[in-house]
Amino acid sequence: MKNKIFSLLLIIFACILLASCTPTPQTTDTESEKNEGDTSTDTGSQGGTSTDSGEGTGDSSTSNGEGTGDSSTSSGEGDTNTDVENPSEPPEESYEIGTQVGQKLPSYFVETFDENGLSGECIDPSALGKVTVINFWGTWCPPCVGELPEFSEVATEYKDSVTIVAIHSVQNFSTGAVSHIKNNFADSDIIFAADEDLGEGNVYFDECYETFGGNGYYPYTIIIDENGVITYAKEGALSKAALISKIEASLAG
């Protein structure tokens, strides 16, 4: 009997000893960090953080991921604030409209003519896009008639870079202008044009002449650059040498 009781006590003691030696399962900090969601160093695909290097959709100021969130320094595929816009073209230079040197000549259309009469075509001498000499003349004006042959020579010599437009006054146009061109300048490189009469009765009113700054004196010559800006203006006859000098100055800018 004593032996049975002693054996039973040994069994109970062994069970107690065995139970005290078996470790209890525990949840570690690192496991809970893996299971409980996003952290401050998460590299997952969804959570946004301040140092996120993953592919998540969260916004980040230093993200290198492929997310769609806006970022000031992001190299991903989202919109950023560092896009470089194409520089705008510089605005065109503006000029004051007027009839003084340095001002842009006003626009005005005149009808051209040749040895056959008026052509039905109009041009604006102020907007031909190249250095232009505009000469107001008339067959009734001896200084005008006297300088025109040299203007024609210059028109041929500079035809690749300069245009010369000779605008005949209203006075005597119908009686002498066309025949004068036919007899003397049929092959000239000058563009001949007719001024417009807005007067009444015997009062001659040369509209283009006055629009371009004419003040009653013929001949009257204006030189403009490719932008239509006046570089030279003179009332009275102009020699060939002086004309070329002023043209060269305009071409040189």
C-alpha atoms as a PDB file:
ATOM      1  CA  MET A   1       0.000   0.000   0.000  1.00  0.00           C
ATOM      2  CA  LYS A   2       2.773   2.347   0.894  1.00  0.00           C
ATOM      3  CA  ASN A   3       4.491   1.583  -2.372  1.00  0.00           C
ATOM      4  CA  LYS A   4       1.356   2.517  -4.384  1.00  0.00           C
ATOM      5  CA  ILE A   5       1.011   5.824  -2.546  1.00  0.00           C
ATOM      6  CA  PHE A   6       4.684   6.574  -3.104  1.00  0.00           C
ATOM      7  CA  SER A   7       4.384   5.790  -6.839  1.00  0.00           C
ATOM      8  CA  LEU A   8       1.331   8.011  -7.138  1.00  0.00           C
ATOM      9  CA  LEU A   9       3.187  10.901  -5.517  1.00  0.00           C
ATOM     10  CA  LEU A  10       6.099  10.442  -7.898  1.00  0.00           C
ATOM     11  CA  ILE A  11       3.755  10.608 -10.890  1.00  0.00           C
ATOM     12  CA  ILE A  12       2.089  13.767  -9.566  1.00  0.00           C
ATOM     13  CA  PHE A  13       5.477  15.392  -8.881  1.00  0.00           C
ATOM     14  CA  ALA A  14       6.710  14.474 -12.372  1.00  0.00           C
ATOM     15  CA  CYS A  15       3.621  16.039 -13.943  1.00  0.00           C
ATOM     16  CA  ILE A  16       4.090  19.211 -11.950  1.00  0.00           C
ATOM     17  CA  LEU A  17       7.754  19.405 -12.924  1.00  0.00           C
ATOM     18  CA  LEU A  18       6.990  18.801 -16.579  1.00  0.00           C
ATOM     19  CA  ALA A  19       4.331  21.532 -16.599  1.00  0.00           C
ATOM     20  CA  SER A  20       6.716  24.077 -15.098  1.00  0.00           C
ATOM     21  CA  CYS A  21       9.305  23.402 -17.805  1.00  0.00           C
ATOM     22  CA  THR A  22       6.960  23.915 -20.891  1.00  0.00           C
ATOM     23  CA  PRO A  23       7.307  27.534 -22.353  1.00  0.00           C
ATOM     24  CA  THR A  24       4.156  29.589 -22.774  1.00  0.00           C
ATOM     25  CA  PRO A  25       3.650  30.897 -26.376  1.00  0.00           C
ATOM     26  CA  GLN A  26       4.028  34.692 -26.535  1.00  0.00           C
ATOM     27  CA  THR A  27       3.413  37.329 -29.214  1.00  0.00           C
ATOM     28  CA  THR A  28       6.567  39.330 -29.846  1.00  0.00           C
ATOM     29  CA  ASP A  29       6.810  43.010 -30.661  1.00  0.00           C
ATOM     30  CA  THR A  30       8.180  42.317 -34.097  1.00  0.00           C
ATOM     31  CA  GLU A  31       5.294  39.997 -34.958  1.00  0.00           C
ATOM     32  CA  SER A  32       2.717  42.518 -33.818  1.00  0.00           C
ATOM     33  CA  GLU A  33       4.424  45.171 -35.930  1.00  0.00           C
ATOM     34  CA  LYS A  34       4.113  42.936 -38.969  1.00  0.00           C
ATOM     35  CA  ASN A  35       0.436  42.177 -38.353  1.00  0.00           C
ATOM     36  CA  GLU A  36      -1.014  45.452 -37.118  1.00  0.00           C
ATOM     37  CA  GLY A  37      -0.705  47.637 -40.285  1.00  0.00           C
ATOM     38  CA  ASP A  38       1.402  50.568 -41.387  1.00  0.00           C
ATOM     39  CA  THR A  39       4.404  51.902 -39.521  1.00  0.00           C
ATOM     40  CA  SER A  40       6.716  54.887 -39.925  1.00  0.00           C
ATOM     41  CA  THR A  41       9.165  52.775 -41.974  1.00  0.00           C
ATOM     42  CA  ASP A  42       6.624  50.731 -43.924  1.00  0.00           C
ATOM     43  CA  THR A  43       7.734  49.656 -47.414  1.00  0.00           C
ATOM     44  CA  GLY A  44       4.369  48.196 -48.359  1.00  0.00           C
ATOM     45  CA  SER A  45       2.152  49.116 -51.330  1.00  0.00           C
ATOM     46  CA  GLN A  46      -0.649  51.048 -49.652  1.00  0.00           C
ATOM     47  CA  GLY A  47       0.320  53.030 -46.620  1.00  0.00           C
ATOM     48  CA  GLY A  48       1.701  56.553 -47.166  1.00  0.00           C
ATOM     49  CA  THR A  49       4.538  57.718 -44.906  1.00  0.00           C
ATOM     50  CA  SER A  50       7.051  60.533 -44.746  1.00  0.00           C
ATOM     51  CA  THR A  51       9.871  58.235 -45.927  1.00  0.00           C
ATOM     52  CA  ASP A  52       7.877  55.840 -48.086  1.00  0.00           C
ATOM     53  CA  SER A  53       9.883  54.127 -50.826  1.00  0.00           C
ATOM     54  CA  GLY A  54       7.115  51.764 -51.874  1.00  0.00           C
ATOM     55  CA  GLU A  55       4.493  51.822 -54.543  1.00  0.00           C
ATOM     56  CA  GLY A  56       1.666  53.129 -52.456  1.00  0.00           C
ATOM     57  CA  THR A  57      -0.837  55.829 -53.300  1.00  0.00           C
ATOM     58  CA  GLY A  58      -0.178  58.007 -50.266  1.00  0.00           C
ATOM     59  CA  ASP A  59       1.163  61.540 -50.727  1.00  0.00           C
ATOM     60  CA  SER A  60       4.782  62.105 -49.802  1.00  0.00           C
ATOM     61  CA  SER A  61       7.238  64.970 -49.989  1.00  0.00           C
ATOM     62  CA  THR A  62      10.228  62.747 -50.738  1.00  0.00           C
ATOM     63  CA  SER A  63       8.645  59.671 -52.304  1.00  0.00           C
ATOM     64  CA  ASN A  64      10.530  57.816 -55.026  1.00  0.00           C
ATOM     65  CA  GLY A  65       7.705  55.361 -55.600  1.00  0.00           C
ATOM     66  CA  GLU A  66       5.302  54.975 -58.436  1.00  0.00           C
ATOM     67  CA  GLY A  67       2.270  56.301 -56.658  1.00  0.00           C
ATOM     68  CA  THR A  68      -0.180  58.790 -58.051  1.00  0.00           C
ATOM     69  CA  GLY A  69       0.064  61.297 -55.224  1.00  0.00           C
ATOM     70  CA  ASP A  70       1.256  64.821 -55.924  1.00  0.00           C
ATOM     71  CA  SER A  71       4.767  65.571 -54.746  1.00  0.00           C
ATOM     72  CA  SER A  72       7.174  68.484 -55.017  1.00  0.00           C
ATOM     73  CA  THR A  73      10.185  66.210 -55.633  1.00  0.00           C
ATOM     74  CA  SER A  74       8.633  62.916 -56.706  1.00  0.00           C
ATOM     75  CA  SER A  75      10.288  60.971 -59.488  1.00  0.00           C
ATOM     76  CA  GLY A  76       7.229  58.755 -59.931  1.00  0.00           C
ATOM     77  CA  GLU A  77       4.462  58.995 -62.426  1.00  0.00           C
ATOM     78  CA  GLY A  78       2.271  61.455 -60.544  1.00  0.00           C
ATOM     79  CA  ASP A  79       1.893  65.168 -61.215  1.00  0.00           C
ATOM     80  CA  THR A  80       4.577  67.319 -59.640  1.00  0.00           C
ATOM     81  CA  ASN A  81       5.318  70.970 -59.077  1.00  0.00           C
ATOM     82  CA  THR A  82       8.698  70.791 -60.782  1.00  0.00           C
ATOM     83  CA  ASP A  83       7.508  70.584 -64.390  1.00  0.00           C
ATOM     84  CA  VAL A  84       9.408  73.012 -66.625  1.00  0.00           C
ATOM     85  CA  GLU A  85       7.092  74.994 -68.860  1.00  0.00           C
ATOM     86  CA  ASN A  86       8.112  76.148 -72.309  1.00  0.00           C
ATOM     87  CA  PRO A  87       9.230  79.767 -72.106  1.00  0.00           C
ATOM     88  CA  SER A  88       6.850  82.142 -73.806  1.00  0.00           C
ATOM     89  CA  GLU A  89       8.004  83.950 -76.909  1.00  0.00           C
ATOM     90  CA  PRO A  90       9.090  87.501 -76.303  1.00  0.00           C
ATOM     91  CA  PRO A  91       6.404  90.035 -77.162  1.00  0.00           C
ATOM     92  CA  GLU A  92       6.734  91.884 -80.396  1.00  0.00           C
ATOM     93  CA  GLU A  93       8.266  95.329 -80.046  1.00  0.00           C
ATOM     94  CA  SER A  94       5.679  98.091 -80.254  1.00  0.00           C
ATOM     95  CA  TYR A  95       6.184 101.509 -81.802  1.00  0.00           C
ATOM     96  CA  GLU A  96       4.322 104.763 -81.610  1.00  0.00           C
ATOM     97  CA  ILE A  97       2.407 105.505 -84.799  1.00  0.00           C
ATOM     98  CA  GLY A  98       3.365 108.810 -86.405  1.00  0.00           C
ATOM     99  CA  THR A  99       5.285 110.611 -89.128  1.00  0.00           C
ATOM    100  CA  GLN A 100       8.448 111.518 -87.267  1.00  0.00           C
ATOM    101  CA  VAL A 101      11.766 109.662 -87.395  1.00  0.00           C
ATOM    102  CA  GLY A 102      11.602 106.757 -84.930  1.00  0.00           C
ATOM    103  CA  GLN A 103       7.839 106.375 -85.239  1.00  0.00           C
ATOM    104  CA  LYS A 104       5.990 103.689 -87.168  1.00  0.00           C
ATOM    105  CA  LEU A 105       4.446 105.011 -90.372  1.00  0.00           C
ATOM    106  CA  PRO A 106       0.623 104.820 -90.480  1.00  0.00           C
ATOM    107  CA  SER A 107      -0.972 102.278 -92.772  1.00  0.00           C
ATOM    108  CA  TYR A 108      -2.414 103.500 -96.073  1.00  0.00           C
ATOM    109  CA  PHE A 109      -3.215 101.702 -99.335  1.00  0.00           C
ATOM    110  CA  VAL A 110      -2.548 103.213-102.745  1.00  0.00           C
ATOM    111  CA  GLU A 111      -3.318 101.867-106.207  1.00  0.00           C
ATOM    112  CA  THR A 112      -0.394 101.035-108.459  1.00  0.00           C
ATOM    113  CA  PHE A 113      -0.081 101.974-112.129  1.00  0.00           C
ATOM    114  CA  ASP A 114       2.307 101.479-115.024  1.00  0.00           C
ATOM    115  CA  GLU A 115       2.583 102.551-118.685  1.00  0.00           C
ATOM    116  CA  ASN A 116      -0.839 101.002-119.292  1.00  0.00           C
ATOM    117  CA  GLY A 117      -2.641 102.946-116.573  1.00  0.00           C
ATOM    118  CA  LEU A 118      -4.066 102.039-113.170  1.00  0.00           C
ATOM    119  CA  SER A 119      -3.680  98.350-112.321  1.00  0.00           C
ATOM    120  CA  GLY A 120      -6.567  97.834-109.927  1.00  0.00           C
ATOM    121  CA  GLU A 121      -4.097  96.484-107.350  1.00  0.00           C
ATOM    122  CA  CYS A 122      -3.369  98.266-104.087  1.00  0.00           C
ATOM    123  CA  ILE A 123      -0.363  98.112-101.784  1.00  0.00           C
ATOM    124  CA  ASP A 124       0.464  99.506 -98.352  1.00  0.00           C
ATOM    125  CA  PRO A 125       3.935 101.089 -98.680  1.00  0.00           C
ATOM    126  CA  SER A 126       4.331 101.100 -94.902  1.00  0.00           C
ATOM    127  CA  ALA A 127       4.112  97.315 -94.607  1.00  0.00           C
ATOM    128  CA  LEU A 128       6.208  95.714 -97.355  1.00  0.00           C
ATOM    129  CA  GLY A 129       8.483  93.954 -94.850  1.00  0.00           C
ATOM    130  CA  LYS A 130      11.746  95.428 -96.117  1.00  0.00           C
ATOM    131  CA  VAL A 131      13.556  98.755 -96.262  1.00  0.00           C
ATOM    132  CA  THR A 132      11.311 100.975 -98.373  1.00  0.00           C
ATOM    133  CA  VAL A 133      11.823 104.367 -99.978  1.00  0.00           C
ATOM    134  CA  ILE A 134       8.568 106.283-100.479  1.00  0.00           C
ATOM    135  CA  ASN A 135       8.847 109.225-102.861  1.00  0.00           C
ATOM    136  CA  PHE A 136       5.994 111.689-103.437  1.00  0.00           C
ATOM    137  CA  TRP A 137       6.316 113.381-106.815  1.00  0.00           C
ATOM    138  CA  GLY A 138       4.431 114.862-109.750  1.00  0.00           C
ATOM    139  CA  THR A 139       5.113 115.547-113.421  1.00  0.00           C
ATOM    140  CA  TRP A 140       4.278 119.205-112.755  1.00  0.00           C
ATOM    141  CA  CYS A 141       7.261 119.400-110.291  1.00  0.00           C
ATOM    142  CA  PRO A 142      10.682 119.959-111.988  1.00  0.00           C
ATOM    143  CA  PRO A 143      12.772 118.782-108.967  1.00  0.00           C
ATOM    144  CA  CYS A 144      10.632 115.632-108.813  1.00  0.00           C
ATOM    145  CA  VAL A 145      11.127 114.842-112.488  1.00  0.00           C
ATOM    146  CA  GLY A 146      14.831 115.643-112.202  1.00  0.00           C
ATOM    147  CA  GLU A 147      15.606 113.201-109.367  1.00  0.00           C
ATOM    148  CA  LEU A 148      13.417 110.316-110.531  1.00  0.00           C
ATOM    149  CA  PRO A 149      15.986 108.776-112.970  1.00  0.00           C
ATOM    150  CA  GLU A 150      18.514 108.402-110.152  1.00  0.00           C
ATOM    151  CA  PHE A 151      15.836 106.867-107.906  1.00  0.00           C
ATOM    152  CA  SER A 152      15.222 104.363-110.689  1.00  0.00           C
ATOM    153  CA  GLU A 153      18.928 103.498-110.820  1.00  0.00           C
ATOM    154  CA  VAL A 154      19.005 102.908-107.083  1.00  0.00           C
ATOM    155  CA  ALA A 155      15.868 100.759-107.321  1.00  0.00           C
ATOM    156  CA  THR A 156      17.702  98.457-109.732  1.00  0.00           C
ATOM    157  CA  GLU A 157      20.961  98.404-107.777  1.00  0.00           C
ATOM    158  CA  TYR A 158      19.216  97.569-104.475  1.00  0.00           C
ATOM    159  CA  LYS A 159      16.251  95.582-105.776  1.00  0.00           C
ATOM    160  CA  ASP A 160      17.092  92.539-103.627  1.00  0.00           C
ATOM    161  CA  SER A 161      16.967  94.452-100.351  1.00  0.00           C
ATOM    162  CA  VAL A 162      15.083  97.701-100.959  1.00  0.00           C
ATOM    163  CA  THR A 163      11.778  98.674-102.548  1.00  0.00           C
ATOM    164  CA  ILE A 164      11.175 102.151-103.958  1.00  0.00           C
ATOM    165  CA  VAL A 165       7.581 103.337-104.263  1.00  0.00           C
ATOM    166  CA  ALA A 166       6.951 106.580-106.192  1.00  0.00           C
ATOM    167  CA  ILE A 167       3.497 108.016-105.479  1.00  0.00           C
ATOM    168  CA  HIS A 168       2.252 110.581-107.984  1.00  0.00           C
ATOM    169  CA  SER A 169       0.120 113.444-106.719  1.00  0.00           C
ATOM    170  CA  VAL A 170      -3.494 113.860-107.727  1.00  0.00           C
ATOM    171  CA  GLN A 171      -2.567 116.983-109.708  1.00  0.00           C
ATOM    172  CA  ASN A 172      -1.910 116.206-113.401  1.00  0.00           C
ATOM    173  CA  PHE A 173      -2.133 112.459-112.828  1.00  0.00           C
ATOM    174  CA  SER A 174      -4.749 111.898-115.503  1.00  0.00           C
ATOM    175  CA  THR A 175      -2.962 114.110-118.034  1.00  0.00           C
ATOM    176  CA  GLY A 176       0.705 113.318-117.577  1.00  0.00           C
ATOM    177  CA  ALA A 177       1.637 110.526-115.133  1.00  0.00           C
ATOM    178  CA  VAL A 178       0.952 107.457-117.259  1.00  0.00           C
ATOM    179  CA  SER A 179       2.522 108.877-120.405  1.00  0.00           C
ATOM    180  CA  HIS A 180       5.599 109.991-118.477  1.00  0.00           C
ATOM    181  CA  ILE A 181       6.127 106.469-117.136  1.00  0.00           C
ATOM    182  CA  LYS A 182       5.532 104.953-120.571  1.00  0.00           C
ATOM    183  CA  ASN A 183       8.121 107.217-122.185  1.00  0.00           C
ATOM    184  CA  ASN A 184      10.776 107.079-119.480  1.00  0.00           C
ATOM    185  CA  PHE A 185      10.315 104.273-116.958  1.00  0.00           C
ATOM    186  CA  ALA A 186       8.570 101.373-118.647  1.00  0.00           C
ATOM    187  CA  ASP A 187      11.278  98.953-117.469  1.00  0.00           C
ATOM    188  CA  SER A 188      11.995 100.583-114.120  1.00  0.00           C
ATOM    189  CA  ASP A 189      12.142  98.623-110.853  1.00  0.00           C
ATOM    190  CA  ILE A 190      10.274 101.447-109.133  1.00  0.00           C
ATOM    191  CA  ILE A 191       6.700 100.668-108.061  1.00  0.00           C
ATOM    192  CA  PHE A 192       4.542 103.567-109.244  1.00  0.00           C
ATOM    193  CA  ALA A 193       1.325 104.427-107.425  1.00  0.00           C
ATOM    194  CA  ALA A 194      -1.356 107.119-107.500  1.00  0.00           C
ATOM    195  CA  ASP A 195      -2.395 109.236-104.549  1.00  0.00           C
ATOM    196  CA  GLU A 196      -6.080 109.532-103.707  1.00  0.00           C
ATOM    197  CA  ASP A 197      -8.115 112.688-104.241  1.00  0.00           C
ATOM    198  CA  LEU A 198     -10.506 113.476-101.425  1.00  0.00           C
ATOM    199  CA  GLY A 199     -10.828 117.139-102.374  1.00  0.00           C
ATOM    200  CA  GLU A 200     -13.718 118.998-103.924  1.00  0.00           C
ATOM    201  CA  GLY A 201     -13.706 121.032-107.134  1.00  0.00           C
ATOM    202  CA  ASN A 202     -10.242 122.440-107.902  1.00  0.00           C
ATOM    203  CA  VAL A 203      -8.897 121.786-104.382  1.00  0.00           C
ATOM    204  CA  TYR A 204      -6.304 119.012-104.490  1.00  0.00           C
ATOM    205  CA  PHE A 205      -6.103 116.878-101.398  1.00  0.00           C
ATOM    206  CA  ASP A 206      -3.454 114.159-101.570  1.00  0.00           C
ATOM    207  CA  GLU A 207      -4.578 111.845 -98.795  1.00  0.00           C
ATOM    208  CA  CYS A 208      -1.589 109.491 -98.621  1.00  0.00           C
ATOM    209  CA  TYR A 209       0.839 112.407 -98.848  1.00  0.00           C
ATOM    210  CA  GLU A 210      -0.727 114.100 -95.840  1.00  0.00           C
ATOM    211  CA  THR A 211      -1.188 110.836 -93.934  1.00  0.00           C
ATOM    212  CA  PHE A 212       2.540 110.189 -94.288  1.00  0.00           C
ATOM    213  CA  GLY A 213       3.476 113.649 -93.020  1.00  0.00           C
ATOM    214  CA  GLY A 214       3.585 115.761 -96.187  1.00  0.00           C
ATOM    215  CA  ASN A 215       3.345 119.478 -95.535  1.00  0.00           C
ATOM    216  CA  GLY A 216       2.954 121.046 -98.970  1.00  0.00           C
ATOM    217  CA  TYR A 217       6.467 120.515-100.384  1.00  0.00           C
ATOM    218  CA  TYR A 218       7.383 118.232-103.322  1.00  0.00           C
ATOM    219  CA  PRO A 219       9.319 116.078-103.732  1.00  0.00           C
ATOM    220  CA  TYR A 220       8.952 114.466-100.327  1.00  0.00           C
ATOM    221  CA  THR A 221      10.901 111.304 -99.493  1.00  0.00           C
ATOM    222  CA  ILE A 222      10.552 108.917 -96.550  1.00  0.00           C
ATOM    223  CA  ILE A 223      12.711 105.886 -95.782  1.00  0.00           C
ATOM    224  CA  ILE A 224      11.412 103.185 -93.434  1.00  0.00           C
ATOM    225  CA  ASP A 225      12.984  99.992 -92.141  1.00  0.00           C
ATOM    226  CA  GLU A 226      11.552  96.485 -92.419  1.00  0.00           C
ATOM    227  CA  ASN A 227       9.253  97.176 -89.450  1.00  0.00           C
ATOM    228  CA  GLY A 228       7.798 100.305 -91.025  1.00  0.00           C
ATOM    229  CA  VAL A 229       9.686 102.618 -88.671  1.00  0.00           C
ATOM    230  CA  ILE A 230      10.804 105.910 -90.199  1.00  0.00           C
ATOM    231  CA  THR A 231      14.583 106.248 -90.393  1.00  0.00           C
ATOM    232  CA  TYR A 232      14.729 109.334 -92.631  1.00  0.00           C
ATOM    233  CA  ALA A 233      12.422 111.984 -94.064  1.00  0.00           C
ATOM    234  CA  LYS A 234      13.177 114.965 -96.316  1.00  0.00           C
ATOM    235  CA  GLU A 235      11.254 117.662 -98.166  1.00  0.00           C
ATOM    236  CA  GLY A 236      13.020 118.612-101.408  1.00  0.00           C
ATOM    237  CA  ALA A 237      15.232 116.894-103.950  1.00  0.00           C
ATOM    238  CA  LEU A 238      17.647 114.157-102.892  1.00  0.00           C
ATOM    239  CA  SER A 239      20.825 113.230-104.739  1.00  0.00           C
ATOM    240  CA  LYS A 240      21.697 109.628-105.588  1.00  0.00           C
ATOM    241  CA  ALA A 241      24.674 109.652-103.213  1.00  0.00           C
ATOM    242  CA  ALA A 242      22.552 110.966-100.348  1.00  0.00           C
ATOM    243  CA  LEU A 243      19.801 108.455-101.091  1.00  0.00           C
ATOM    244  CA  ILE A 244      22.240 105.525-101.047  1.00  0.00           C
ATOM    245  CA  SER A 245      23.788 106.773 -97.812  1.00  0.00           C
ATOM    246  CA  LYS A 246      20.409 106.861 -96.074  1.00  0.00           C
ATOM    247  CA  ILE A 247      19.453 103.468 -97.454  1.00  0.00           C
ATOM    248  CA  GLU A 248      22.684 101.914 -96.219  1.00  0.00           C
ATOM    249  CA  ALA A 249      22.054 103.372 -92.769  1.00  0.00           C
ATOM    250  CA  SER A 250      18.587 101.802 -92.710  1.00  0.00           C
ATOM    251  CA  LEU A 251      19.902  98.446 -93.858  1.00  0.00           C
ATOM    252  CA  ALA A 252      22.555  98.517 -91.143  1.00  0.00           C
ATOM    253  CA  GLY A 253      19.862  99.050 -88.544  1.00  0.00           C
END
